[in-house]
C-alpha atoms as a PDB file:
ATOM      1  CA  MET A   1      -0.203   0.222  -0.113  1.00  0.00           C
ATOM      2  CA  GLU A   2       1.463   3.292  -1.057  1.00  0.00           C
ATOM      3  CA  TYR A   3       0.136   6.601   0.346  1.00  0.00           C
ATOM      4  CA  GLU A   4       0.414   8.962  -2.462  1.00  0.00           C
ATOM      5  CA  ASN A   5      -2.038  11.729  -1.660  1.00  0.00           C
ATOM      6  CA  ARG A   6      -1.018  14.477   0.744  1.00  0.00           C
ATOM      7  CA  SER A   7      -3.825  14.019   3.615  1.00  0.00           C
ATOM      8  CA  ALA A   8      -2.764  10.119   3.766  1.00  0.00           C
ATOM      9  CA  THR A   9       0.935  11.044   3.815  1.00  0.00           C
ATOM     10  CA  ARG A  10       0.496  13.594   6.604  1.00  0.00           C
ATOM     11  CA  GLU A  11      -1.795  10.780   8.313  1.00  0.00           C
ATOM     12  CA  ILE A  12       1.407   8.609   8.321  1.00  0.00           C
ATOM     13  CA  LEU A  13       3.652  11.497   9.786  1.00  0.00           C
ATOM     14  CA  ASP A  14       1.433  12.215  12.440  1.00  0.00           C
ATOM     15  CA  VAL A  15       1.338   8.671  13.360  1.00  0.00           C
ATOM     16  CA  CYS A  16       5.379   8.445  12.898  1.00  0.00           C
ATOM     17  CA  ASN A  17       5.473  11.524  15.413  1.00  0.00           C
ATOM     18  CA  GLN A  18       2.900  10.091  17.821  1.00  0.00           C
ATOM     19  CA  LEU A  19       4.926   6.681  18.274  1.00  0.00           C
ATOM     20  CA  GLN A  20       8.085   8.643  18.658  1.00  0.00           C
ATOM     21  CA  ALA A  21       6.365  11.066  21.323  1.00  0.00           C
ATOM     22  CA  ASN A  22       5.192   7.746  23.304  1.00  0.00           C
ATOM     23  CA  PHE A  23       8.365   5.973  23.108  1.00  0.00           C
ATOM     24  CA  ASP A  24       8.867   4.203  26.714  1.00  0.00           C
ATOM     25  CA  PRO A  25      12.395   2.421  27.281  1.00  0.00           C
ATOM     26  CA  ASN A  26      10.728   0.145  29.782  1.00  0.00           C
ATOM     27  CA  LYS A  27       8.321  -1.319  27.379  1.00  0.00           C
ATOM     28  CA  ILE A  28       9.102  -1.942  23.717  1.00  0.00           C
ATOM     29  CA  ASP A  29       6.872  -4.427  22.696  1.00  0.00           C
ATOM     30  CA  TRP A  30       3.398  -3.239  22.380  1.00  0.00           C
ATOM     31  CA  THR A  31       0.086  -4.869  20.858  1.00  0.00           C
ATOM     32  CA  MET A  32      -1.688  -2.966  18.272  1.00  0.00           C
ATOM     33  CA  ASP A  33      -4.437  -2.421  20.803  1.00  0.00           C
ATOM     34  CA  GLU A  34      -1.929  -1.015  23.535  1.00  0.00           C
ATOM     35  CA  LEU A  35      -0.410   1.292  21.219  1.00  0.00           C
ATOM     36  CA  TYR A  36      -3.804   2.439  20.123  1.00  0.00           C
ATOM     37  CA  LEU A  37      -5.136   3.145  23.498  1.00  0.00           C
ATOM     38  CA  LYS A  38      -1.771   4.896  24.763  1.00  0.00           C
ATOM     39  CA  ILE A  39      -1.745   7.236  21.618  1.00  0.00           C
ATOM     40  CA  PHE A  40      -5.248   7.707  20.826  1.00  0.00           C
ATOM     41  CA  CYS A  41      -7.579   7.395  23.991  1.00  0.00           C
ATOM     42  CA  ASP A  42      -5.963  10.061  25.989  1.00  0.00           C
ATOM     43  CA  PRO A  43      -9.034  12.226  27.323  1.00  0.00           C
ATOM     44  CA  ASN A  44      -6.895  15.718  26.583  1.00  0.00           C
ATOM     45  CA  LEU A  45      -7.115  15.131  22.799  1.00  0.00           C
ATOM     46  CA  ASN A  46     -10.511  16.490  22.334  1.00  0.00           C
ATOM     47  CA  GLY A  47     -11.378  14.739  19.266  1.00  0.00           C
ATOM     48  CA  ASN A  48      -7.901  14.531  17.472  1.00  0.00           C
ATOM     49  CA  ARG A  49      -8.508  10.721  17.365  1.00  0.00           C
ATOM     50  CA  LEU A  50      -7.748   8.352  14.845  1.00  0.00           C
ATOM     51  CA  SER A  51     -10.135   5.482  14.265  1.00  0.00           C
ATOM     52  CA  PHE A  52      -8.647   2.092  14.938  1.00  0.00           C
ATOM     53  CA  GLU A  53      -9.148   1.145  11.346  1.00  0.00           C
ATOM     54  CA  SER A  54      -7.080   4.077  10.169  1.00  0.00           C
ATOM     55  CA  PHE A  55      -4.497   3.408  12.526  1.00  0.00           C
ATOM     56  CA  GLY A  56      -4.216  -0.365  11.973  1.00  0.00           C
ATOM     57  CA  GLU A  57      -3.400   0.670   8.111  1.00  0.00           C
ATOM     58  CA  ASP A  58      -0.933   3.365   8.981  1.00  0.00           C
ATOM     59  CA  MET A  59       0.826   0.818  11.141  1.00  0.00           C
ATOM     60  CA  ASN A  60       0.727  -1.845   8.078  1.00  0.00           C
ATOM     61  CA  TRP A  61       2.635   0.815   5.972  1.00  0.00           C
ATOM     62  CA  ILE A  62       5.161   1.591   8.821  1.00  0.00           C
ATOM     63  CA  LEU A  63       5.867  -1.855   9.275  1.00  0.00           C
ATOM     64  CA  SER A  64       5.959  -2.710   5.539  1.00  0.00           C
ATOM     65  CA  HIS A  65       8.517   0.210   4.849  1.00  0.00           C
ATOM     66  CA  GLY A  66      10.627  -1.225   7.823  1.00  0.00           C
ATOM     67  CA  LEU A  67      10.230   2.074  10.170  1.00  0.00           C
ATOM     68  CA  ILE A  68       9.170  -0.510  12.896  1.00  0.00           C
ATOM     69  CA  SER A  69       9.516  -4.136  13.409  1.00  0.00           C
ATOM     70  CA  SER A  70       7.384  -6.954  15.105  1.00  0.00           C
ATOM     71  CA  ASN A  71       8.374  -9.507  17.476  1.00  0.00           C
ATOM     72  CA  GLU A  72       5.926 -12.557  18.006  1.00  0.00           C
ATOM     73  CA  GLY A  73       3.031 -10.453  16.793  1.00  0.00           C
ATOM     74  CA  LYS A  74       3.710  -7.580  19.175  1.00  0.00           C
ATOM     75  CA  LEU A  75       5.210  -4.136  17.414  1.00  0.00           C
ATOM     76  CA  ARG A  76       8.751  -3.311  18.692  1.00  0.00           C
ATOM     77  CA  LEU A  77       8.887   0.387  19.571  1.00  0.00           C
ATOM     78  CA  ASP A  78      12.523   0.400  20.662  1.00  0.00           C
ATOM     79  CA  GLU A  79      15.134   3.282  20.163  1.00  0.00           C
ATOM     80  CA  PHE A  80      16.184   1.819  16.870  1.00  0.00           C
ATOM     81  CA  ALA A  81      12.530   2.238  15.598  1.00  0.00           C
ATOM     82  CA  VAL A  82      12.365   5.755  17.237  1.00  0.00           C
ATOM     83  CA  ASN A  83      15.628   6.575  15.265  1.00  0.00           C
ATOM     84  CA  LEU A  84      14.025   5.228  12.453  1.00  0.00           C
ATOM     85  CA  LEU A  85      10.389   7.085  12.972  1.00  0.00           C
ATOM     86  CA  ASP A  86      12.326  10.438  13.574  1.00  0.00           C
ATOM     87  CA  LYS A  87      14.560  10.416  10.246  1.00  0.00           C
ATOM     88  CA  TYR A  88      11.487   9.580   8.124  1.00  0.00           C
ATOM     89  CA  PHE A  89       9.617  12.245  10.027  1.00  0.00           C
ATOM     90  CA  LYS A  90      11.961  14.520   9.259  1.00  0.00           C
ATOM     91  CA  ASP A  91      12.761  14.063   5.755  1.00  0.00           C
ATOM     92  CA  HIS A  92       9.168  14.129   4.765  1.00  0.00           C
ATOM     93  CA  ARG A  93       7.761  16.874   7.320  1.00  0.00           C
ATOM     94  CA  GLU A  94       7.656  19.524   4.259  1.00  0.00           C
ATOM     95  CA  ILE A  95       4.420  17.941   3.524  1.00  0.00           C
ATOM     96  CA  ILE A  96       2.818  18.826   6.796  1.00  0.00           C
ATOM     97  CA  GLU A  97       4.440  22.335   6.846  1.00  0.00           C
ATOM     98  CA  LYS A  98       2.825  23.234   3.517  1.00  0.00           C
END
Protein backbone atom coordinates (compact mmCIF):
# COMPACT_ATOMS: atom_id res chain seq x y z
CA MET A 1 0.00 0.00 0.00
CA GLU A 2 1.50 3.33 -1.04
CA TYR A 3 0.21 6.63 0.21
CA GLU A 4 0.38 9.06 -2.64
CA ASN A 5 -2.06 11.73 -1.61
CA ARG A 6 -1.07 14.43 0.80
CA SER A 7 -3.69 13.76 3.46
CA ALA A 8 -2.73 10.07 3.76
CA THR A 9 0.97 10.97 3.93
CA ARG A 10 0.22 13.59 6.56
CA GLU A 11 -1.63 10.96 8.60
CA ILE A 12 1.37 8.60 8.38
CA LEU A 13 3.66 11.41 9.53
CA ASP A 14 1.32 12.21 12.41
CA VAL A 15 1.35 8.57 13.50
CA CYS A 16 5.16 8.46 13.22
CA ASN A 17 5.35 11.56 15.39
CA GLN A 18 2.94 10.09 17.95
CA LEU A 19 4.90 6.84 18.11
CA GLN A 20 8.11 8.77 18.79
CA ALA A 21 6.45 10.86 21.46
CA ASN A 22 5.15 7.76 23.24
CA PHE A 23 8.45 5.88 23.33
CA ASP A 24 8.93 4.15 26.66
CA PRO A 25 12.33 2.48 27.19
CA ASN A 26 10.74 0.28 29.88
CA LYS A 27 8.21 -1.22 27.43
CA ILE A 28 9.24 -1.81 23.84
CA ASP A 29 6.87 -4.57 22.70
CA TRP A 30 3.26 -3.47 22.20
CA THR A 31 0.13 -4.95 20.74
CA MET A 32 -1.71 -2.83 18.22
CA ASP A 33 -4.50 -2.31 20.78
CA GLU A 34 -2.07 -1.18 23.49
CA LEU A 35 -0.40 1.37 21.21
CA TYR A 36 -3.72 2.70 19.98
CA LEU A 37 -5.00 3.13 23.54
CA LYS A 38 -1.79 4.79 24.67
CA ILE A 39 -1.75 7.25 21.79
CA PHE A 40 -5.39 7.99 20.99
CA CYS A 41 -7.42 7.36 24.12
CA ASP A 42 -6.06 10.32 26.02
CA PRO A 43 -9.03 12.36 27.32
CA ASN A 44 -7.08 15.58 26.58
CA LEU A 45 -7.09 14.96 22.81
CA ASN A 46 -10.49 16.58 22.31
CA GLY A 47 -11.43 14.86 19.08
CA ASN A 48 -7.96 14.44 17.55
CA ARG A 49 -8.47 10.72 17.41
CA LEU A 50 -7.74 8.40 14.56
CA SER A 51 -10.04 5.43 14.06
CA PHE A 52 -8.59 2.06 15.03
CA GLU A 53 -9.01 0.88 11.42
CA SER A 54 -7.03 3.84 10.05
CA PHE A 55 -4.40 3.36 12.72
CA GLY A 56 -4.09 -0.31 11.72
CA GLU A 57 -3.65 0.63 8.06
CA ASP A 58 -1.03 3.22 8.97
CA MET A 59 0.82 0.74 11.18
CA ASN A 60 0.79 -1.83 8.38
CA TRP A 61 2.34 0.79 6.08
CA ILE A 62 4.93 1.71 8.73
CA LEU A 63 5.77 -1.98 9.25
CA SER A 64 6.01 -2.69 5.52
CA HIS A 65 8.46 0.19 5.11
CA GLY A 66 10.68 -1.09 7.91
CA LEU A 67 10.19 1.86 10.25
CA ILE A 68 9.31 -0.49 13.10
CA SER A 69 9.43 -4.25 13.40
CA SER A 70 7.27 -6.88 14.98
CA ASN A 71 8.28 -9.61 17.38
CA GLU A 72 5.98 -12.56 18.04
CA GLY A 73 2.91 -10.59 17.03
CA LYS A 74 3.86 -7.47 18.95
CA LEU A 75 5.09 -4.20 17.52
CA ARG A 76 8.62 -3.35 18.62
CA LEU A 77 8.97 0.31 19.47
CA ASP A 78 12.58 0.45 20.61
CA GLU A 79 15.22 3.16 20.34
CA PHE A 80 16.26 1.97 16.86
CA ALA A 81 12.66 2.24 15.63
CA VAL A 82 12.25 5.68 17.21
CA ASN A 83 15.36 6.86 15.36
CA LEU A 84 13.99 5.52 12.05
CA LEU A 85 10.61 7.16 12.69
CA ASP A 86 12.36 10.44 13.51
CA LYS A 87 14.45 10.30 10.32
CA TYR A 88 11.38 9.51 8.20
CA PHE A 89 9.44 12.34 9.83
CA LYS A 90 12.28 14.85 9.31
CA ASP A 91 12.81 13.76 5.70
CA HIS A 92 9.11 14.23 4.84
CA ARG A 93 7.82 16.90 7.21
CA GLU A 94 7.58 19.51 4.46
CA ILE A 95 4.32 17.77 3.54
CA ILE A 96 2.70 18.91 6.79
CA GLU A 97 4.39 22.30 6.82
CA LYS A 98 2.79 23.39 3.52
